[in-house]
PDB file of N, CA and C in Angstrom:
ATOM      1  N   MET A   1      62.476 234.516-104.541  1.00  0.00           N
ATOM      2  CA  MET A   1      61.442 233.519-103.925  1.00  0.00           C
ATOM      3  C   MET A   1      61.785 233.045-102.701  1.00  0.00           C
ATOM      4  N   PHE A   2      60.954 232.834-101.677  1.00  0.00           N
ATOM      5  CA  PHE A   2      61.038 232.473-100.296  1.00  0.00           C
ATOM      6  C   PHE A   2      61.178 230.907-100.393  1.00  0.00           C
ATOM      7  N   GLN A   3      62.310 230.294 -99.764  1.00  0.00           N
ATOM      8  CA  GLN A   3      62.535 228.573 -99.858  1.00  0.00           C
ATOM      9  C   GLN A   3      61.769 228.021 -98.720  1.00  0.00           C
ATOM     10  N   THR A   4      60.598 227.342 -99.154  1.00  0.00           N
ATOM     11  CA  THR A   4      60.049 226.715 -97.826  1.00  0.00           C
ATOM     12  C   THR A   4      60.357 224.942 -98.013  1.00  0.00           C
ATOM     13  N   GLU A   5      61.248 224.346 -98.889  1.00  0.00           N
ATOM     14  CA  GLU A   5      61.692 223.215 -99.023  1.00  0.00           C
ATOM     15  C   GLU A   5      62.918 223.030 -98.847  1.00  0.00           C
ATOM     16  N   PHE A   6      63.461 221.733 -98.436  1.00  0.00           N
ATOM     17  CA  PHE A   6      64.806 221.715 -98.380  1.00  0.00           C
ATOM     18  C   PHE A   6      65.468 220.203 -98.708  1.00  0.00           C
ATOM     19  N   GLU A   7      66.381 219.816 -99.319  1.00  0.00           N
ATOM     20  CA  GLU A   7      66.699 218.427 -99.720  1.00  0.00           C
ATOM     21  C   GLU A   7      67.587 218.123 -98.369  1.00  0.00           C
ATOM     22  N   PHE A   8      67.675 216.700 -98.485  1.00  0.00           N
ATOM     23  CA  PHE A   8      68.683 216.300 -97.494  1.00  0.00           C
ATOM     24  C   PHE A   8      68.920 215.050 -97.856  1.00  0.00           C
ATOM     25  N   THR A   9      70.089 214.464 -97.295  1.00  0.00           N
ATOM     26  CA  THR A   9      70.482 212.979 -97.619  1.00  0.00           C
ATOM     27  C   THR A   9      70.744 212.485 -96.044  1.00  0.00           C
ATOM     28  N   LEU A  10      70.151 211.122 -95.607  1.00  0.00           N
ATOM     29  CA  LEU A  10      70.499 210.706 -94.380  1.00  0.00           C
ATOM     30  C   LEU A  10      71.841 210.137 -94.107  1.00  0.00           C
ATOM     31  N   PRO A  11      72.598 209.951 -93.433  1.00  0.00           N
ATOM     32  CA  PRO A  11      73.884 209.534 -93.030  1.00  0.00           C
ATOM     33  C   PRO A  11      73.906 207.999 -93.242  1.00  0.00           C
ATOM     34  N   LYS A  12      72.728 207.309 -92.815  1.00  0.00           N
ATOM     35  CA  LYS A  12      72.745 205.998 -92.950  1.00  0.00           C
ATOM     36  C   LYS A  12      71.632 205.348 -94.077  1.00  0.00           C
ATOM     37  N   GLY A  13      70.408 205.880 -93.955  1.00  0.00           N
ATOM     38  CA  GLY A  13      69.093 205.593 -94.616  1.00  0.00           C
ATOM     39  C   GLY A  13      68.214 204.822 -93.779  1.00  0.00           C
ATOM     40  N   TYR A  14      67.002 205.158 -94.384  1.00  0.00           N
ATOM     41  CA  TYR A  14      65.782 204.142 -94.235  1.00  0.00           C
ATOM     42  C   TYR A  14      65.732 202.916 -94.686  1.00  0.00           C
ATOM     43  N   LEU A  15      65.690 201.695 -93.859  1.00  0.00           N
ATOM     44  CA  LEU A  15      65.555 200.370 -94.427  1.00  0.00           C
ATOM     45  C   LEU A  15      64.198 200.008 -94.332  1.00  0.00           C
ATOM     46  N   ASP A  16      63.477 200.080 -95.486  1.00  0.00           N
ATOM     47  CA  ASP A  16      61.904 199.407 -95.702  1.00  0.00           C
ATOM     48  C   ASP A  16      61.876 198.152 -95.378  1.00  0.00           C
ATOM     49  N   SER A  17      60.611 197.655 -95.327  1.00  0.00           N
ATOM     50  CA  SER A  17      60.591 196.045 -95.074  1.00  0.00           C
ATOM     51  C   SER A  17      60.670 195.308 -96.004  1.00  0.00           C
ATOM     52  N   GLU A  18      60.890 195.782 -97.381  1.00  0.00           N
ATOM     53  CA  GLU A  18      61.297 194.745 -98.400  1.00  0.00           C
ATOM     54  C   GLU A  18      63.029 194.812 -99.023  1.00  0.00           C
ATOM     55  N   GLY A  19      63.456 195.817 -97.726  1.00  0.00           N
ATOM     56  CA  GLY A  19      65.013 195.901 -97.970  1.00  0.00           C
ATOM     57  C   GLY A  19      65.589 196.789 -98.707  1.00  0.00           C
ATOM     58  N   ASN A  20      64.680 197.927 -99.061  1.00  0.00           N
ATOM     59  CA  ASN A  20      65.006 198.975-100.078  1.00  0.00           C
ATOM     60  C   ASN A  20      65.608 200.121 -98.925  1.00  0.00           C
ATOM     61  N   LEU A  21      66.606 200.791 -99.593  1.00  0.00           N
ATOM     62  CA  LEU A  21      67.548 201.857 -98.390  1.00  0.00           C
ATOM     63  C   LEU A  21      66.736 203.226 -99.434  1.00  0.00           C
ATOM     64  N   HIS A  22      66.435 204.198 -98.399  1.00  0.00           N
ATOM     65  CA  HIS A  22      65.855 205.673 -98.770  1.00  0.00           C
ATOM     66  C   HIS A  22      66.731 206.559 -98.079  1.00  0.00           C
ATOM     67  N   ARG A  23      67.421 207.292 -98.778  1.00  0.00           N
ATOM     68  CA  ARG A  23      68.533 208.310 -98.182  1.00  0.00           C
ATOM     69  C   ARG A  23      68.022 209.531 -98.374  1.00  0.00           C
ATOM     70  N   LYS A  24      67.585 209.962 -99.751  1.00  0.00           N
ATOM     71  CA  LYS A  24      67.303 211.369-100.050  1.00  0.00           C
ATOM     72  C   LYS A  24      65.899 211.489 -99.749  1.00  0.00           C
ATOM     73  N   GLY A  25      65.878 212.630 -99.278  1.00  0.00           N
ATOM     74  CA  GLY A  25      64.512 213.365 -98.820  1.00  0.00           C
ATOM     75  C   GLY A  25      64.544 214.962 -99.140  1.00  0.00           C
ATOM     76  N   VAL A  26      62.949 215.326 -98.634  1.00  0.00           N
ATOM     77  CA  VAL A  26      62.689 216.683 -98.607  1.00  0.00           C
ATOM     78  C   VAL A  26      61.974 217.212 -97.300  1.00  0.00           C
ATOM     79  N   MET A  27      62.487 218.045 -96.697  1.00  0.00           N
ATOM     80  CA  MET A  27      61.596 218.517 -95.611  1.00  0.00           C
ATOM     81  C   MET A  27      61.108 220.063 -95.663  1.00  0.00           C
ATOM     82  N   ARG A  28      60.187 220.312 -95.419  1.00  0.00           N
ATOM     83  CA  ARG A  28      59.345 221.586 -95.599  1.00  0.00           C
ATOM     84  C   ARG A  28      59.447 222.495 -94.347  1.00  0.00           C
ATOM     85  N   LEU A  29      59.589 223.585 -94.489  1.00  0.00           N
ATOM     86  CA  LEU A  29      59.520 224.451 -92.882  1.00  0.00           C
ATOM     87  C   LEU A  29      58.412 224.299 -92.199  1.00  0.00           C
ATOM     88  N   ALA A  30      58.449 224.233 -90.795  1.00  0.00           N
ATOM     89  CA  ALA A  30      57.345 223.924 -89.982  1.00  0.00           C
ATOM     90  C   ALA A  30      56.758 225.028 -89.837  1.00  0.00           C
ATOM     91  N   ARG A  31      55.227 224.819 -89.592  1.00  0.00           N
ATOM     92  CA  ARG A  31      54.454 225.865 -89.139  1.00  0.00           C
ATOM     93  C   ARG A  31      53.826 225.780 -87.888  1.00  0.00           C
ATOM     94  N   ALA A  32      53.329 226.878 -87.236  1.00  0.00           N
ATOM     95  CA  ALA A  32      52.927 226.391 -85.771  1.00  0.00           C
ATOM     96  C   ALA A  32      52.201 225.462 -85.552  1.00  0.00           C
ATOM     97  N   MET A  33      51.295 224.818 -86.484  1.00  0.00           N
ATOM     98  CA  MET A  33      50.292 223.738 -86.307  1.00  0.00           C
ATOM     99  C   MET A  33      51.154 222.298 -86.054  1.00  0.00           C
ATOM    100  N   ASP A  34      52.444 222.111 -86.959  1.00  0.00           N
ATOM    101  CA  ASP A  34      53.134 221.017 -86.890  1.00  0.00           C
ATOM    102  C   ASP A  34      53.693 220.894 -85.630  1.00  0.00           C
ATOM    103  N   GLU A  35      53.705 221.935 -84.475  1.00  0.00           N
ATOM    104  CA  GLU A  35      54.425 221.912 -83.212  1.00  0.00           C
ATOM    105  C   GLU A  35      53.197 221.599 -81.968  1.00  0.00           C
ATOM    106  N   ILE A  36      51.954 222.339 -82.648  1.00  0.00           N
ATOM    107  CA  ILE A  36      51.079 222.431 -81.556  1.00  0.00           C
ATOM    108  C   ILE A  36      50.175 220.951 -81.589  1.00  0.00           C
ATOM    109  N   VAL A  37      50.018 220.447 -82.751  1.00  0.00           N
ATOM    110  CA  VAL A  37      49.107 219.051 -82.899  1.00  0.00           C
ATOM    111  C   VAL A  37      49.812 217.838 -81.960  1.00  0.00           C
ATOM    112  N   PRO A  38      51.124 217.863 -82.252  1.00  0.00           N
ATOM    113  CA  PRO A  38      51.542 216.757 -81.474  1.00  0.00           C
ATOM    114  C   PRO A  38      51.197 216.782 -79.929  1.00  0.00           C
ATOM    115  N   LEU A  39      50.822 217.884 -79.565  1.00  0.00           N
ATOM    116  CA  LEU A  39      50.840 217.986 -78.020  1.00  0.00           C
ATOM    117  C   LEU A  39      49.595 217.576 -77.720  1.00  0.00           C
ATOM    118  N   ARG A  40      48.511 217.243 -78.663  1.00  0.00           N
ATOM    119  CA  ARG A  40      47.409 216.562 -78.351  1.00  0.00           C
ATOM    120  C   ARG A  40      47.452 214.974 -78.405  1.00  0.00           C
ATOM    121  N   ASP A  41      48.411 214.557 -78.951  1.00  0.00           N
ATOM    122  CA  ASP A  41      48.504 213.003 -79.076  1.00  0.00           C
ATOM    123  C   ASP A  41      48.964 212.533 -77.860  1.00  0.00           C
ATOM    124  N   PRO A  42      48.035 211.439 -77.621  1.00  0.00           N
ATOM    125  CA  PRO A  42      48.326 210.576 -76.243  1.00  0.00           C
ATOM    126  C   PRO A  42      49.694 209.865 -76.075  1.00  0.00           C
ATOM    127  N   ARG A  43      50.317 209.645 -77.122  1.00  0.00           N
ATOM    128  CA  ARG A  43      51.626 209.270 -76.796  1.00  0.00           C
ATOM    129  C   ARG A  43      52.682 210.151 -76.686  1.00  0.00           C
ATOM    130  N   VAL A  44      52.378 211.526 -76.993  1.00  0.00           N
ATOM    131  CA  VAL A  44      53.104 212.501 -76.642  1.00  0.00           C
ATOM    132  C   VAL A  44      52.994 212.877 -75.371  1.00  0.00           C
ATOM    133  N   LYS A  45      51.838 212.928 -74.808  1.00  0.00           N
ATOM    134  CA  LYS A  45      51.234 213.147 -73.148  1.00  0.00           C
ATOM    135  C   LYS A  45      51.983 212.131 -72.413  1.00  0.00           C
ATOM    136  N   SER A  46      52.054 210.839 -72.824  1.00  0.00           N
ATOM    137  CA  SER A  46      52.906 209.789 -72.023  1.00  0.00           C
ATOM    138  C   SER A  46      54.408 210.120 -71.897  1.00  0.00           C
ATOM    139  N   ASN A  47      54.933 210.439 -73.291  1.00  0.00           N
ATOM    140  CA  ASN A  47      56.242 210.490 -73.483  1.00  0.00           C
ATOM    141  C   ASN A  47      56.688 211.689 -74.187  1.00  0.00           C
ATOM    142  N   PRO A  48      56.812 213.075 -73.708  1.00  0.00           N
ATOM    143  CA  PRO A  48      57.083 214.261 -74.239  1.00  0.00           C
ATOM    144  C   PRO A  48      58.081 214.193 -75.565  1.00  0.00           C
ATOM    145  N   ALA A  49      58.978 213.063 -75.474  1.00  0.00           N
ATOM    146  CA  ALA A  49      60.232 212.941 -76.485  1.00  0.00           C
ATOM    147  C   ALA A  49      59.495 212.381 -77.580  1.00  0.00           C
ATOM    148  N   TYR A  50      58.284 212.142 -77.826  1.00  0.00           N
ATOM    149  CA  TYR A  50      57.828 211.661 -79.266  1.00  0.00           C
ATOM    150  C   TYR A  50      57.311 212.550 -79.945  1.00  0.00           C
ATOM    151  N   ALA A  51      57.178 213.600 -79.349  1.00  0.00           N
ATOM    152  CA  ALA A  51      56.607 215.008 -80.107  1.00  0.00           C
ATOM    153  C   ALA A  51      57.629 215.029 -81.328  1.00  0.00           C
ATOM    154  N   THR A  52      59.025 214.775 -81.365  1.00  0.00           N
ATOM    155  CA  THR A  52      60.049 214.645 -82.345  1.00  0.00           C
ATOM    156  C   THR A  52      59.330 213.995 -83.491  1.00  0.00           C
ATOM    157  N   VAL A  53      58.941 212.643 -83.192  1.00  0.00           N
ATOM    158  CA  VAL A  53      58.814 211.607 -84.159  1.00  0.00           C
ATOM    159  C   VAL A  53      57.583 212.196 -84.656  1.00  0.00           C
ATOM    160  N   ILE A  54      56.643 212.730 -84.360  1.00  0.00           N
ATOM    161  CA  ILE A  54      55.486 213.279 -84.859  1.00  0.00           C
ATOM    162  C   ILE A  54      55.583 214.523 -85.780  1.00  0.00           C
ATOM    163  N   ILE A  55      56.416 215.217 -85.307  1.00  0.00           N
ATOM    164  CA  ILE A  55      56.906 216.317 -85.786  1.00  0.00           C
ATOM    165  C   ILE A  55      57.559 216.242 -87.370  1.00  0.00           C
ATOM    166  N   LEU A  56      58.467 215.370 -87.122  1.00  0.00           N
ATOM    167  CA  LEU A  56      59.362 214.993 -88.327  1.00  0.00           C
ATOM    168  C   LEU A  56      58.511 214.114 -89.641  1.00  0.00           C
ATOM    169  N   SER A  57      57.395 213.551 -89.187  1.00  0.00           N
ATOM    170  CA  SER A  57      56.758 212.878 -90.138  1.00  0.00           C
ATOM    171  C   SER A  57      55.820 213.958 -90.559  1.00  0.00           C
ATOM    172  N   ARG A  58      55.484 215.078 -89.899  1.00  0.00           N
ATOM    173  CA  ARG A  58      54.547 215.933 -90.416  1.00  0.00           C
ATOM    174  C   ARG A  58      55.413 216.836 -91.495  1.00  0.00           C
ATOM    175  N   VAL A  59      56.495 217.101 -91.437  1.00  0.00           N
ATOM    176  CA  VAL A  59      57.205 217.918 -92.359  1.00  0.00           C
ATOM    177  C   VAL A  59      58.248 217.483 -93.494  1.00  0.00           C
ATOM    178  N   ILE A  60      58.464 216.111 -93.099  1.00  0.00           N
ATOM    179  CA  ILE A  60      59.268 215.363 -94.372  1.00  0.00           C
ATOM    180  C   ILE A  60      58.388 214.930 -95.372  1.00  0.00           C
ATOM    181  N   THR A  61      58.319 215.910 -96.187  1.00  0.00           N
ATOM    182  CA  THR A  61      57.385 215.419 -97.646  1.00  0.00           C
ATOM    183  C   THR A  61      57.732 214.347 -98.504  1.00  0.00           C
ATOM    184  N   LYS A  62      58.982 213.922 -98.421  1.00  0.00           N
ATOM    185  CA  LYS A  62      59.475 213.147 -99.536  1.00  0.00           C
ATOM    186  C   LYS A  62      60.781 212.212 -98.701  1.00  0.00           C
ATOM    187  N   LEU A  63      60.853 210.690 -98.900  1.00  0.00           N
ATOM    188  CA  LEU A  63      61.779 210.061 -98.265  1.00  0.00           C
ATOM    189  C   LEU A  63      62.114 208.976 -99.367  1.00  0.00           C
ATOM    190  N   GLY A  64      62.981 209.159-100.266  1.00  0.00           N
ATOM    191  CA  GLY A  64      63.003 208.154-101.107  1.00  0.00           C
ATOM    192  C   GLY A  64      62.001 207.894-101.970  1.00  0.00           C
ATOM    193  N   ALA A  65      61.642 206.578-102.364  1.00  0.00           N
ATOM    194  CA  ALA A  65      60.525 206.082-103.120  1.00  0.00           C
ATOM    195  C   ALA A  65      59.287 205.901-102.447  1.00  0.00           C
ATOM    196  N   LEU A  66      59.079 206.218-100.941  1.00  0.00           N
ATOM    197  CA  LEU A  66      58.194 206.050-100.239  1.00  0.00           C
ATOM    198  C   LEU A  66      57.099 206.822-100.467  1.00  0.00           C
ATOM    199  N   GLU A  67      55.810 206.336-100.326  1.00  0.00           N
ATOM    200  CA  GLU A  67      54.477 207.108-100.642  1.00  0.00           C
ATOM    201  C   GLU A  67      54.320 207.922 -99.739  1.00  0.00           C
ATOM    202  N   GLU A  68      54.588 207.735 -98.356  1.00  0.00           N
ATOM    203  CA  GLU A  68      54.321 208.763 -97.378  1.00  0.00           C
ATOM    204  C   GLU A  68      55.225 208.568 -95.990  1.00  0.00           C
ATOM    205  N   VAL A  69      55.569 209.452 -95.078  1.00  0.00           N
ATOM    206  CA  VAL A  69      56.345 209.218 -94.224  1.00  0.00           C
ATOM    207  C   VAL A  69      55.081 209.179 -93.062  1.00  0.00           C
ATOM    208  N   THR A  70      55.292 208.244 -92.118  1.00  0.00           N
ATOM    209  CA  THR A  70      54.603 208.178 -90.995  1.00  0.00           C
ATOM    210  C   THR A  70      55.460 207.988 -89.713  1.00  0.00           C
ATOM    211  N   PRO A  71      54.657 208.394 -88.592  1.00  0.00           N
ATOM    212  CA  PRO A  71      55.408 208.140 -87.295  1.00  0.00           C
ATOM    213  C   PRO A  71      56.103 206.867 -87.425  1.00  0.00           C
ATOM    214  N   ALA A  72      55.450 205.946 -87.701  1.00  0.00           N
ATOM    215  CA  ALA A  72      55.978 204.409 -87.824  1.00  0.00           C
ATOM    216  C   ALA A  72      57.356 204.595 -88.588  1.00  0.00           C
ATOM    217  N   THR A  73      57.575 205.375 -89.814  1.00  0.00           N
ATOM    218  CA  THR A  73      58.621 205.479 -90.576  1.00  0.00           C
ATOM    219  C   THR A  73      59.584 206.249 -89.495  1.00  0.00           C
ATOM    220  N   ILE A  74      59.587 207.199 -88.975  1.00  0.00           N
ATOM    221  CA  ILE A  74      60.652 207.860 -88.132  1.00  0.00           C
ATOM    222  C   ILE A  74      60.873 206.784 -87.089  1.00  0.00           C
ATOM    223  N   GLU A  75      59.986 206.226 -86.501  1.00  0.00           N
ATOM    224  CA  GLU A  75      60.333 205.077 -85.388  1.00  0.00           C
ATOM    225  C   GLU A  75      61.330 204.160 -86.157  1.00  0.00           C
ATOM    226  N   ASP A  76      61.541 203.941 -87.042  1.00  0.00           N
ATOM    227  CA  ASP A  76      62.230 202.812 -87.617  1.00  0.00           C
ATOM    228  C   ASP A  76      63.476 203.469 -88.227  1.00  0.00           C
ATOM    229  N   LEU A  77      63.763 204.727 -88.043  1.00  0.00           N
ATOM    230  CA  LEU A  77      65.095 205.091 -88.480  1.00  0.00           C
ATOM    231  C   LEU A  77      66.224 204.935 -87.541  1.00  0.00           C
ATOM    232  N   PHE A  78      67.255 204.872 -88.200  1.00  0.00           N
ATOM    233  CA  PHE A  78      68.562 204.397 -87.236  1.00  0.00           C
ATOM    234  C   PHE A  78      68.811 205.602 -86.230  1.00  0.00           C
ATOM    235  N   ALA A  79      69.099 205.307 -85.031  1.00  0.00           N
ATOM    236  CA  ALA A  79      69.411 206.772 -84.191  1.00  0.00           C
ATOM    237  C   ALA A  79      70.236 207.780 -85.015  1.00  0.00           C
ATOM    238  N   CYS A  80      71.279 207.411 -85.642  1.00  0.00           N
ATOM    239  CA  CYS A  80      72.096 208.806 -86.040  1.00  0.00           C
ATOM    240  C   CYS A  80      71.235 209.668 -87.122  1.00  0.00           C
ATOM    241  N   ASP A  81      70.486 208.801 -87.921  1.00  0.00           N
ATOM    242  CA  ASP A  81      69.363 209.465 -88.931  1.00  0.00           C
ATOM    243  C   ASP A  81      68.568 210.415 -88.291  1.00  0.00           C
ATOM    244  N   LEU A  82      67.848 209.843 -87.070  1.00  0.00           N
ATOM    245  CA  LEU A  82      67.013 210.663 -86.399  1.00  0.00           C
ATOM    246  C   LEU A  82      67.586 211.780 -85.946  1.00  0.00           C
ATOM    247  N   ASN A  83      68.827 211.611 -85.164  1.00  0.00           N
ATOM    248  CA  ASN A  83      69.698 213.055 -84.742  1.00  0.00           C
ATOM    249  C   ASN A  83      69.727 214.079 -86.007  1.00  0.00           C
ATOM    250  N   TYR A  84      70.135 213.084 -87.045  1.00  0.00           N
ATOM    251  CA  TYR A  84      70.712 214.093 -88.224  1.00  0.00           C
ATOM    252  C   TYR A  84      69.104 214.960 -88.536  1.00  0.00           C
ATOM    253  N   LEU A  85      67.908 214.208 -88.757  1.00  0.00           N
ATOM    254  CA  LEU A  85      66.963 214.977 -89.117  1.00  0.00           C
ATOM    255  C   LEU A  85      66.454 216.079 -88.042  1.00  0.00           C
ATOM    256  N   HIS A  86      66.579 215.962 -86.686  1.00  0.00           N
ATOM    257  CA  HIS A  86      66.279 216.481 -85.778  1.00  0.00           C
ATOM    258  C   HIS A  86      67.147 217.784 -85.842  1.00  0.00           C
ATOM    259  N   GLN A  87      68.450 217.580 -86.003  1.00  0.00           N
ATOM    260  CA  GLN A  87      69.432 218.988 -86.221  1.00  0.00           C
ATOM    261  C   GLN A  87      68.993 219.883 -87.570  1.00  0.00           C
ATOM    262  N   PHE A  88      68.747 219.026 -88.825  1.00  0.00           N
ATOM    263  CA  PHE A  88      68.363 219.573 -89.795  1.00  0.00           C
ATOM    264  C   PHE A  88      67.214 220.671 -89.526  1.00  0.00           C
ATOM    265  N   TYR A  89      66.364 219.925 -89.065  1.00  0.00           N
ATOM    266  CA  TYR A  89      64.985 220.627 -88.864  1.00  0.00           C
ATOM    267  C   TYR A  89      65.155 221.870 -87.954  1.00  0.00           C
ATOM    268  N   ARG A  90      66.185 221.966 -87.002  1.00  0.00           N
ATOM    269  CA  ARG A  90      66.184 223.289 -86.066  1.00  0.00           C
ATOM    270  C   ARG A  90      67.170 223.949 -86.822  1.00  0.00           C
ATOM    271  N   GLN A  91      67.908 223.611 -88.005  1.00  0.00           N
ATOM    272  CA  GLN A  91      68.430 224.533 -88.617  1.00  0.00           C
ATOM    273  C   GLN A  91      67.701 225.426 -89.656  1.00  0.00           C
ATOM    274  N   ILE A  92      66.989 224.490 -90.316  1.00  0.00           N
ATOM    275  CA  ILE A  92      66.261 225.307 -91.745  1.00  0.00           C
ATOM    276  C   ILE A  92      65.001 226.134 -91.078  1.00  0.00           C
ATOM    277  N   ASN A  93      64.612 225.744 -89.719  1.00  0.00           N
ATOM    278  CA  ASN A  93      63.582 226.458 -88.838  1.00  0.00           C
ATOM    279  C   ASN A  93      64.139 227.527 -88.235  1.00  0.00           C
ATOM    280  N   GLU A  94      65.627 227.804 -88.439  1.00  0.00           N
ATOM    281  CA  GLU A  94      66.105 228.788 -87.780  1.00  0.00           C
ATOM    282  C   GLU A  94      65.846 228.820 -86.215  1.00  0.00           C
ATOM    283  N   LEU A  95      65.807 227.585 -86.000  1.00  0.00           N
ATOM    284  CA  LEU A  95      65.860 227.461 -83.977  1.00  0.00           C
ATOM    285  C   LEU A  95      67.395 227.407 -83.445  1.00  0.00           C
ATOM    286  N   GLU A  96      68.599 227.299 -84.082  1.00  0.00           N
ATOM    287  CA  GLU A  96      69.851 227.474 -83.796  1.00  0.00           C
ATOM    288  C   GLU A  96      70.669 227.997 -85.153  1.00  0.00           C
ATOM    289  N   GLU A  97      71.859 228.116 -84.462  1.00  0.00           N
ATOM    290  CA  GLU A  97      72.720 228.746 -85.621  1.00  0.00           C
ATOM    291  C   GLU A  97      73.531 227.768 -86.186  1.00  0.00           C
ATOM    292  N   GLU A  98      73.759 226.743 -85.632  1.00  0.00           N
ATOM    293  CA  GLU A  98      74.674 225.683 -85.940  1.00  0.00           C
ATOM    294  C   GLU A  98      74.564 225.120 -87.169  1.00  0.00           C
ATOM    295  N   ASN A  99      75.210 224.885 -88.092  1.00  0.00           N
ATOM    296  CA  ASN A  99      74.930 223.773 -89.342  1.00  0.00           C
ATOM    297  C   ASN A  99      75.062 222.706 -88.939  1.00  0.00           C
ATOM    298  N   VAL A 100      74.316 221.749 -89.855  1.00  0.00           N
ATOM    299  CA  VAL A 100      74.277 220.366 -89.867  1.00  0.00           C
ATOM    300  C   VAL A 100      75.673 219.697 -90.456  1.00  0.00           C
ATOM    301  N   GLU A 101      76.459 219.184 -89.618  1.00  0.00           N
ATOM    302  CA  GLU A 101      77.810 218.842 -90.428  1.00  0.00           C
ATOM    303  C   GLU A 101      77.764 217.828 -91.367  1.00  0.00           C
ATOM    304  N   SER A 102      76.653 216.930 -91.506  1.00  0.00           N
ATOM    305  CA  SER A 102      76.614 216.279 -92.549  1.00  0.00           C
ATOM    306  C   SER A 102      76.567 216.918 -93.807  1.00  0.00           C
ATOM    307  N   ASP A 103      75.822 217.767 -94.079  1.00  0.00           N
ATOM    308  CA  ASP A 103      75.353 218.548 -95.091  1.00  0.00           C
ATOM    309  C   ASP A 103      75.599 220.211 -95.016  1.00  0.00           C
ATOM    310  N   LYS A 104      76.633 220.599 -95.148  1.00  0.00           N
ATOM    311  CA  LYS A 104      76.952 221.895 -94.987  1.00  0.00           C
ATOM    312  C   LYS A 104      76.197 222.678 -95.956  1.00  0.00           C
ATOM    313  N   SER A 105      75.794 222.704 -97.135  1.00  0.00           N
ATOM    314  CA  SER A 105      74.964 223.214 -97.961  1.00  0.00           C
ATOM    315  C   SER A 105      73.590 222.676 -97.957  1.00  0.00           C
ATOM    316  N   ILE A 106      72.451 223.476 -97.753  1.00  0.00           N
ATOM    317  CA  ILE A 106      71.012 222.991 -98.040  1.00  0.00           C
ATOM    318  C   ILE A 106      70.659 223.751 -99.377  1.00  0.00           C
ATOM    319  N   LYS A 107      70.407 222.514-100.017  1.00  0.00           N
ATOM    320  CA  LYS A 107      69.828 222.951-101.574  1.00  0.00           C
ATOM    321  C   LYS A 107      68.298 222.896-101.503  1.00  0.00           C
ATOM    322  N   PRO A 108      68.040 223.745-102.283  1.00  0.00           N
ATOM    323  CA  PRO A 108      66.550 223.977-102.431  1.00  0.00           C
ATOM    324  C   PRO A 108      65.831 222.862-103.387  1.00  0.00           C
ATOM    325  N   SER A 109      64.937 222.355-102.879  1.00  0.00           N
ATOM    326  CA  SER A 109      64.148 221.319-103.859  1.00  0.00           C
ATOM    327  C   SER A 109      63.143 221.858-104.731  1.00  0.00           C
TER     328      SER A 109
END
């Protein structure tokens, strides 16, 4: 069977407004639209780096006990977690050959 979803554990974790820490999540493989849609967003037009925030919010299907992952969720991540997710995204979508150092084995969800 073709694996389309991958589990991850954030190095630090997302701290929500109630003080709950969310570290474990699931990311799905990206589709072409996941990379095309952000290009239409005015936040990306004024700051192309913001595309990463939107793309990650589209492909992360689960993060701890959160009901949904939004761009605001991604904005509030610690920098090391954002970097981890960006590298993890590139790895599972085969955009580079390097492994994410924090999690050498990718586990199917």
